[in-house]
């Protein structure tokens, strides 16, 4: 099996080789692999740890403090250094990078979720490598519900957000072992996990990490989240030669957690359940043909009527002129917005509303047609 859209997560211990500074040799190797995959037409998103470690490197003359504000200072200083390093490395391959800093609040909010999804999918479409990290400057440790807790869980959320084929979590060990290989010479690599049960969670019992925030337990937790959303997961050693290239070809490296649901089945089940739909949008014959036969997005010009009260980011059912449901999707505009722009051309949106969230009422990436 080969993979096309890949989310790759790089852990702190991998990027620093267990030291207190970024390992440029390791980072250069990872970037080279991504560039190789990019030339093959693969789509890549990176989740990168290392900001706090990078900040520690830049502020090595400042006495370290253990409180949260100082950690956020390290993240603030380190994030720009981390991105500068990535930018320099990718520029060698004539590739453009972008940065996205997210908090759990961003994805819990409907508009934030839609903004993040639309932006990441557009970056992918343009061939720009997006480097994602948690926004440690504003995500406070003590308020757990506003944090992902670590970049492992963030990577699972992003993999789901962009409909990835596979999430690859690269770390400083080769995958999930039956015991900690640092201490147990008889520890064996688990090549495949079809079901994450209590025994697997026991194997993944978290071990101390010098600089990172996650361990194998958080990676298995993230794998559980991603596989339930239709995303395959591999945990592997990041220093394995050509590791990303080999995994993209489906080679047996590290530990594979196969998706529990087909990606589209998972998405359809959520959208088509009807439980999440907040309203209904009626479309004309031309829009129906564009949606069902041409795989197009829903534009305001094709909308004849909107029913119900819904906000931007809510799911709406899409009905034809006879009232038959032909699909559903995430609306870029609220019901009150559609009352003003329904039946109008996309280039009139800005003048009618005073703002513009894009030409599409429902983008094809956020839609399921039945």
Protein backbone atom coordinates (compact mmCIF):
# COMPACT_ATOMS: atom_id res chain seq x y z
CA UNK A 1 0.00 0.00 0.00
CA UNK A 2 1.30 3.46 -0.89
CA UNK A 3 0.29 6.74 0.73
CA UNK A 4 -0.34 10.10 -0.94
CA UNK A 5 -1.24 12.61 1.80
CA UNK A 6 1.15 12.23 4.72
CA UNK A 7 1.24 13.99 8.08
CA UNK A 8 4.67 13.56 9.68
CA UNK A 9 5.32 14.35 13.33
CA UNK A 10 8.89 14.97 14.52
CA UNK A 11 9.53 14.65 18.24
CA UNK A 12 11.85 16.82 20.32
CA UNK A 13 14.25 13.98 21.16
CA UNK A 14 14.59 13.18 17.46
CA UNK A 15 15.20 16.79 16.39
CA UNK A 16 17.74 17.38 19.17
CA UNK A 17 19.26 13.86 19.26
CA UNK A 18 18.69 14.01 23.02
CA UNK A 19 20.85 17.13 23.42
CA UNK A 20 19.92 20.70 24.35
CA UNK A 21 20.06 22.02 20.76
CA UNK A 22 18.68 21.24 17.30
CA UNK A 23 20.57 18.57 15.34
CA UNK A 24 20.94 20.07 11.86
CA UNK A 25 22.13 16.80 10.38
CA UNK A 26 18.95 15.01 11.45
CA UNK A 27 16.73 17.90 10.34
CA UNK A 28 18.51 18.13 6.99
CA UNK A 29 17.94 14.41 6.37
CA UNK A 30 14.22 14.71 7.18
CA UNK A 31 13.83 17.76 4.92
CA UNK A 32 15.66 15.97 2.10
CA UNK A 33 13.19 13.07 2.36
CA UNK A 34 10.21 15.43 2.32
CA UNK A 35 11.63 17.18 -0.74
CA UNK A 36 12.03 13.82 -2.46
CA UNK A 37 8.40 12.90 -1.69
CA UNK A 38 7.27 16.36 -2.80
CA UNK A 39 8.95 15.83 -6.18
CA UNK A 40 7.02 12.57 -6.48
CA UNK A 41 3.76 14.49 -6.07
CA UNK A 42 3.12 13.45 -2.45
CA UNK A 43 1.33 15.90 -0.14
CA UNK A 44 3.02 16.63 3.19
CA UNK A 45 2.18 18.38 6.46
CA UNK A 46 4.72 18.51 9.29
CA UNK A 47 3.97 18.59 13.01
CA UNK A 48 7.21 19.74 14.60
CA UNK A 49 8.22 19.78 18.22
CA UNK A 50 11.45 21.44 19.24
CA UNK A 51 10.43 25.06 19.87
CA UNK A 52 11.16 24.98 23.61
CA UNK A 53 14.42 23.09 23.06
CA UNK A 54 15.36 25.61 20.39
CA UNK A 55 14.57 28.49 22.76
CA UNK A 56 16.69 26.85 25.44
CA UNK A 57 19.55 26.79 22.93
CA UNK A 58 19.12 30.52 22.12
CA UNK A 59 18.81 31.54 25.80
CA UNK A 60 21.54 29.27 27.17
CA UNK A 61 23.08 32.19 29.10
CA UNK A 62 19.79 32.89 30.91
CA UNK A 63 19.21 30.96 34.12
CA UNK A 64 16.36 28.54 33.51
CA UNK A 65 13.21 28.75 35.60
CA UNK A 66 10.66 25.98 36.07
CA UNK A 67 7.50 28.08 35.83
CA UNK A 68 5.05 28.19 32.94
CA UNK A 69 5.75 31.80 31.81
CA UNK A 70 9.43 30.95 31.29
CA UNK A 71 8.52 27.86 29.26
CA UNK A 72 6.36 30.12 27.13
CA UNK A 73 9.29 32.53 26.74
CA UNK A 74 11.42 29.61 25.54
CA UNK A 75 8.68 28.64 23.08
CA UNK A 76 8.34 32.22 21.84
CA UNK A 77 12.07 32.62 21.23
CA UNK A 78 12.51 29.07 19.96
CA UNK A 79 9.60 28.99 17.52
CA UNK A 80 11.10 31.68 15.29
CA UNK A 81 14.51 29.97 15.39
CA UNK A 82 12.91 26.61 14.58
CA UNK A 83 11.03 28.06 11.62
CA UNK A 84 14.13 29.91 10.39
CA UNK A 85 16.01 26.61 10.44
CA UNK A 86 13.28 24.86 8.47
CA UNK A 87 13.08 27.75 6.01
CA UNK A 88 16.82 27.59 5.36
CA UNK A 89 16.79 23.82 4.90
CA UNK A 90 13.77 23.79 2.56
CA UNK A 91 15.14 26.70 0.53
CA UNK A 92 17.94 24.39 -0.62
CA UNK A 93 15.22 22.43 -2.43
CA UNK A 94 13.44 25.56 -3.71
CA UNK A 95 10.45 24.81 -1.48
CA UNK A 96 8.21 27.27 0.38
CA UNK A 97 7.19 26.68 3.99
CA UNK A 98 4.35 28.08 6.07
CA UNK A 99 3.71 28.10 9.81
CA UNK A 100 0.51 27.26 11.70
CA UNK A 101 0.32 27.59 15.48
CA UNK A 102 -2.79 25.96 16.90
CA UNK A 103 -4.48 25.51 20.26
CA UNK A 104 -7.28 23.11 21.12
CA UNK A 105 -9.59 26.13 21.42
CA UNK A 106 -8.96 26.87 17.71
CA UNK A 107 -10.29 23.46 16.68
CA UNK A 108 -13.12 23.29 19.21
CA UNK A 109 -14.57 26.51 17.82
CA UNK A 110 -16.52 25.82 14.59
CA UNK A 111 -15.13 28.80 12.73
CA UNK A 112 -11.62 28.10 13.97
CA UNK A 113 -11.87 24.48 12.84
CA UNK A 114 -13.09 25.53 9.41
CA UNK A 115 -10.45 28.26 9.08
CA UNK A 116 -7.66 25.84 10.00
CA UNK A 117 -8.97 23.11 7.68
CA UNK A 118 -9.46 25.44 4.72
CA UNK A 119 -6.05 27.03 5.19
CA UNK A 120 -4.18 23.73 5.52
CA UNK A 121 -5.96 22.20 2.52
CA UNK A 122 -5.18 25.28 0.42
CA UNK A 123 -1.51 25.13 1.43
CA UNK A 124 -1.45 21.46 0.41
CA UNK A 125 -3.11 22.33 -2.91
CA UNK A 126 -0.45 24.99 -3.56
CA UNK A 127 2.41 22.63 -2.77
CA UNK A 128 3.51 24.62 0.30
CA UNK A 129 4.89 22.65 3.25
CA UNK A 130 3.01 23.68 6.39
CA UNK A 131 4.82 23.25 9.71
CA UNK A 132 2.36 22.98 12.59
CA UNK A 133 3.04 23.32 16.30
CA UNK A 134 0.96 23.96 19.38
CA UNK A 135 0.84 27.65 20.25
CA UNK A 136 2.64 27.30 23.59
CA UNK A 137 2.72 31.07 24.06
CA UNK A 138 -1.03 31.21 24.68
CA UNK A 139 -1.91 27.59 25.60
CA UNK A 140 -1.51 27.52 29.39
CA UNK A 141 -0.33 24.31 31.05
CA UNK A 142 -2.76 24.59 33.93
CA UNK A 143 -5.84 24.85 31.70
CA UNK A 144 -5.71 21.33 30.32
CA UNK A 145 -8.85 21.55 28.24
CA UNK A 146 -7.29 24.29 26.11
CA UNK A 147 -4.15 22.27 25.37
CA UNK A 148 -3.50 19.26 23.19
CA UNK A 149 -1.06 18.27 25.93
CA UNK A 150 1.65 17.28 23.48
CA UNK A 151 2.29 17.26 19.76
CA UNK A 152 1.36 13.59 19.45
CA UNK A 153 -2.30 14.37 20.07
CA UNK A 154 -2.03 17.51 17.93
CA UNK A 155 -0.69 15.39 15.06
CA UNK A 156 -3.70 13.06 15.29
CA UNK A 157 -6.07 16.03 15.21
CA UNK A 158 -4.31 17.54 12.18
CA UNK A 159 -4.28 14.18 10.35
CA UNK A 160 -8.04 14.05 10.80
CA UNK A 161 -8.41 17.73 9.90
CA UNK A 162 -6.75 17.32 6.48
CA UNK A 163 -8.04 13.79 5.71
CA UNK A 164 -4.52 12.32 5.70
CA UNK A 165 -3.85 8.83 4.38
CA UNK A 166 -1.26 8.20 7.07
CA UNK A 167 0.18 9.79 10.20
CA UNK A 168 3.88 9.02 10.71
CA UNK A 169 5.18 9.73 14.21
CA UNK A 170 8.96 9.71 14.15
CA UNK A 171 10.77 9.33 17.44
CA UNK A 172 14.13 8.27 18.89
CA UNK A 173 13.21 4.57 19.09
CA UNK A 174 12.07 2.19 16.37
CA UNK A 175 8.39 1.87 17.32
CA UNK A 176 6.29 0.13 19.97
CA UNK A 177 8.23 -2.55 21.84
CA UNK A 178 7.08 -5.27 24.23
CA UNK A 179 9.22 -3.52 26.87
CA UNK A 180 11.52 -0.51 27.05
CA UNK A 181 14.43 -1.40 24.72
CA UNK A 182 16.71 1.02 26.57
CA UNK A 183 16.60 -1.24 29.63
CA UNK A 184 15.36 -4.66 28.49
CA UNK A 185 17.60 -6.50 25.98
CA UNK A 186 14.78 -8.97 25.28
CA UNK A 187 12.33 -6.25 24.18
CA UNK A 188 10.84 -7.02 20.76
CA UNK A 189 9.41 -4.62 18.21
CA UNK A 190 5.67 -4.96 17.62
CA UNK A 191 5.28 -4.67 13.84
CA UNK A 192 1.48 -4.35 13.68
CA UNK A 193 -1.30 -3.46 16.10
CA UNK A 194 -4.80 -4.21 14.79
CA UNK A 195 -6.50 -3.27 18.05
CA UNK A 196 -5.32 -0.98 20.82
CA UNK A 197 -6.32 -2.84 23.98
CA UNK A 198 -5.17 -2.89 27.59
CA UNK A 199 -2.16 -5.05 26.75
CA UNK A 200 -0.96 -2.62 24.07
CA UNK A 201 -1.46 0.31 26.43
CA UNK A 202 0.57 -1.55 29.08
CA UNK A 203 3.44 -1.98 26.60
CA UNK A 204 3.32 1.72 25.88
CA UNK A 205 3.68 2.66 29.54
CA UNK A 206 5.20 6.11 29.47
CA UNK A 207 8.91 6.46 30.10
CA UNK A 208 10.83 9.55 31.16
CA UNK A 209 11.83 11.96 28.42
CA UNK A 210 14.61 14.47 28.96
CA UNK A 211 13.27 17.24 26.74
CA UNK A 212 10.03 16.07 25.14
CA UNK A 213 6.52 16.18 26.62
CA UNK A 214 5.27 12.89 25.19
CA UNK A 215 6.29 9.26 25.40
CA UNK A 216 5.11 6.01 23.83
CA UNK A 217 1.86 6.13 25.82
CA UNK A 218 0.84 9.46 24.26
CA UNK A 219 1.77 8.15 20.81
CA UNK A 220 -0.47 5.12 21.24
CA UNK A 221 -3.23 7.42 22.53
CA UNK A 222 -2.81 9.55 19.39
CA UNK A 223 -2.83 6.41 17.22
CA UNK A 224 -6.14 5.42 18.81
CA UNK A 225 -7.64 8.80 17.90
CA UNK A 226 -6.28 8.83 14.35
CA UNK A 227 -7.17 5.23 13.43
CA UNK A 228 -10.75 5.75 14.64
CA UNK A 229 -10.94 8.64 12.15
CA UNK A 230 -9.86 6.49 9.21
CA UNK A 231 -6.14 7.40 9.26
CA UNK A 232 -3.37 4.78 9.23
CA UNK A 233 -0.58 5.38 11.75
CA UNK A 234 3.08 4.35 11.87
CA UNK A 235 5.41 4.96 14.81
CA UNK A 236 9.02 4.59 13.73
CA UNK A 237 12.60 5.63 14.41
CA UNK A 238 13.43 8.92 12.73
CA UNK A 239 17.07 8.06 12.17
CA UNK A 240 16.28 5.06 9.99
CA UNK A 241 17.72 5.88 6.52
CA UNK A 242 15.01 7.13 4.12
CA UNK A 243 12.37 6.32 6.74
CA UNK A 244 9.67 8.62 5.34
CA UNK A 245 10.27 7.50 1.76
CA UNK A 246 10.10 3.83 2.74
CA UNK A 247 6.92 4.28 4.80
CA UNK A 248 5.26 6.20 1.94
CA UNK A 249 5.83 3.10 -0.22
CA UNK A 250 4.21 0.89 2.38
CA UNK A 251 7.40 -0.81 3.56
CA UNK A 252 7.33 -2.60 6.91
CA UNK A 253 9.11 -0.16 9.21
CA UNK A 254 8.29 0.56 12.83
CA UNK A 255 4.83 -0.24 14.18
CA UNK A 256 1.76 0.01 11.95
CA UNK A 257 -1.66 0.83 13.41
CA UNK A 258 -4.10 0.29 10.50
CA UNK A 259 -7.17 2.55 10.26
CA UNK A 260 -10.23 1.11 11.97
CA UNK A 261 -12.55 2.65 9.38
CA UNK A 262 -12.21 3.61 5.76
CA UNK A 263 -11.43 7.34 5.72
CA UNK A 264 -14.47 8.22 3.62
CA UNK A 265 -16.73 5.90 5.64
CA UNK A 266 -15.68 7.70 8.81
CA UNK A 267 -16.34 11.12 7.28
CA UNK A 268 -19.64 10.06 5.74
CA UNK A 269 -20.82 8.46 8.95
CA UNK A 270 -20.24 11.73 10.82
CA UNK A 271 -21.78 14.04 8.22
CA UNK A 272 -24.61 11.83 6.98
CA UNK A 273 -25.78 10.82 10.45
CA UNK A 274 -27.97 13.92 10.39
CA UNK A 275 -27.23 14.40 14.08
CA UNK A 276 -24.89 17.29 13.40
CA UNK A 277 -26.91 19.08 10.68
CA UNK A 278 -28.06 22.54 11.80
CA UNK A 279 -29.96 23.59 8.68
CA UNK A 280 -30.88 22.90 5.08
CA UNK A 281 -29.86 24.53 1.81
CA UNK A 282 -31.94 24.12 -1.36
CA UNK A 283 -30.15 24.26 -4.73
CA UNK A 284 -31.27 24.60 -8.35
CA UNK A 285 -30.84 22.07 -11.17
CA UNK A 286 -27.54 23.55 -12.35
CA UNK A 287 -26.01 23.33 -8.89
CA UNK A 288 -27.24 19.75 -8.51
CA UNK A 289 -25.47 18.73 -11.71
CA UNK A 290 -22.30 20.56 -10.66
CA UNK A 291 -22.28 18.81 -7.28
CA UNK A 292 -23.28 15.27 -8.31
CA UNK A 293 -21.70 14.94 -11.73
CA UNK A 294 -18.81 17.42 -11.83
CA UNK A 295 -17.49 17.21 -8.25
CA UNK A 296 -17.75 20.99 -7.87
CA UNK A 297 -18.16 23.16 -4.79
CA UNK A 298 -21.50 24.75 -3.91
CA UNK A 299 -21.54 28.42 -4.91
CA UNK A 300 -24.09 31.00 -3.71
CA UNK A 301 -25.46 31.41 -7.25
CA UNK A 302 -26.94 27.90 -7.09
CA UNK A 303 -28.78 28.37 -3.79
CA UNK A 304 -32.51 29.03 -3.93
CA UNK A 305 -33.33 28.92 -0.22
CA UNK A 306 -31.83 28.29 3.23
CA UNK A 307 -33.80 26.89 6.16
CA UNK A 308 -32.94 26.76 9.84
CA UNK A 309 -30.59 28.86 11.91
CA UNK A 310 -26.95 27.90 11.54
CA UNK A 311 -23.55 29.49 11.94
CA UNK A 312 -20.42 29.45 9.85
CA UNK A 313 -18.78 26.05 10.38
CA UNK A 314 -22.04 24.16 11.00
CA UNK A 315 -23.05 21.15 8.93
CA UNK A 316 -26.00 21.68 6.58
CA UNK A 317 -28.00 19.26 4.46
CA UNK A 318 -28.08 20.03 0.73
CA UNK A 319 -31.44 19.42 -0.98
CA UNK A 320 -32.48 19.56 -4.63
CA UNK A 321 -35.54 21.42 -5.95
CA UNK A 322 -37.82 18.50 -4.98
CA UNK A 323 -36.59 18.48 -1.39
CA UNK A 324 -34.50 15.32 -1.78
CA UNK A 325 -31.22 15.29 0.12
CA UNK A 326 -28.31 15.04 -2.29
CA UNK A 327 -25.53 15.63 0.24
CA UNK A 328 -24.31 17.61 3.20
CA UNK A 329 -21.29 19.66 4.15
CA UNK A 330 -19.70 22.33 6.32
CA UNK A 331 -21.02 25.79 5.49
CA UNK A 332 -18.60 28.69 5.05
CA UNK A 333 -21.47 31.11 5.71
CA UNK A 334 -24.26 31.44 8.28
CA UNK A 335 -27.97 31.26 7.51
CA UNK A 336 -28.24 35.05 7.82
CA UNK A 337 -25.35 35.42 5.36
CA UNK A 338 -27.09 33.12 2.87
CA UNK A 339 -30.26 35.20 3.10
CA UNK A 340 -28.21 38.02 1.58
CA UNK A 341 -26.00 36.16 -0.90
CA UNK A 342 -28.20 33.24 -1.99
CA UNK A 343 -28.66 33.31 -5.78
CA UNK A 344 -25.90 35.90 -6.20
CA UNK A 345 -22.53 35.57 -7.92
CA UNK A 346 -19.48 34.91 -5.74
CA UNK A 347 -17.83 38.20 -6.70
CA UNK A 348 -20.73 40.04 -5.00
CA UNK A 349 -20.18 38.44 -1.57
CA UNK A 350 -17.83 41.11 -0.24
CA UNK A 351 -20.04 44.03 -1.23
CA UNK A 352 -23.21 42.39 0.11
CA UNK A 353 -21.80 41.23 3.46
CA UNK A 354 -18.86 43.54 4.06
CA UNK A 355 -16.60 40.48 4.41
CA UNK A 356 -15.72 37.44 2.33
CA UNK A 357 -14.90 33.90 3.51
CA UNK A 358 -14.32 32.61 -0.02
CA UNK A 359 -16.27 31.96 -3.22
CA UNK A 360 -17.82 28.71 -1.99
CA UNK A 361 -20.72 28.27 0.41
CA UNK A 362 -19.64 24.63 0.84
CA UNK A 363 -16.23 23.66 -0.53
CA UNK A 364 -15.94 20.26 -2.21
CA UNK A 365 -13.31 19.26 0.42
CA UNK A 366 -15.93 19.78 3.15
CA UNK A 367 -18.81 17.98 1.41
CA UNK A 368 -20.22 14.48 1.04
CA UNK A 369 -22.55 13.73 -1.88
CA UNK A 370 -24.99 10.80 -1.68
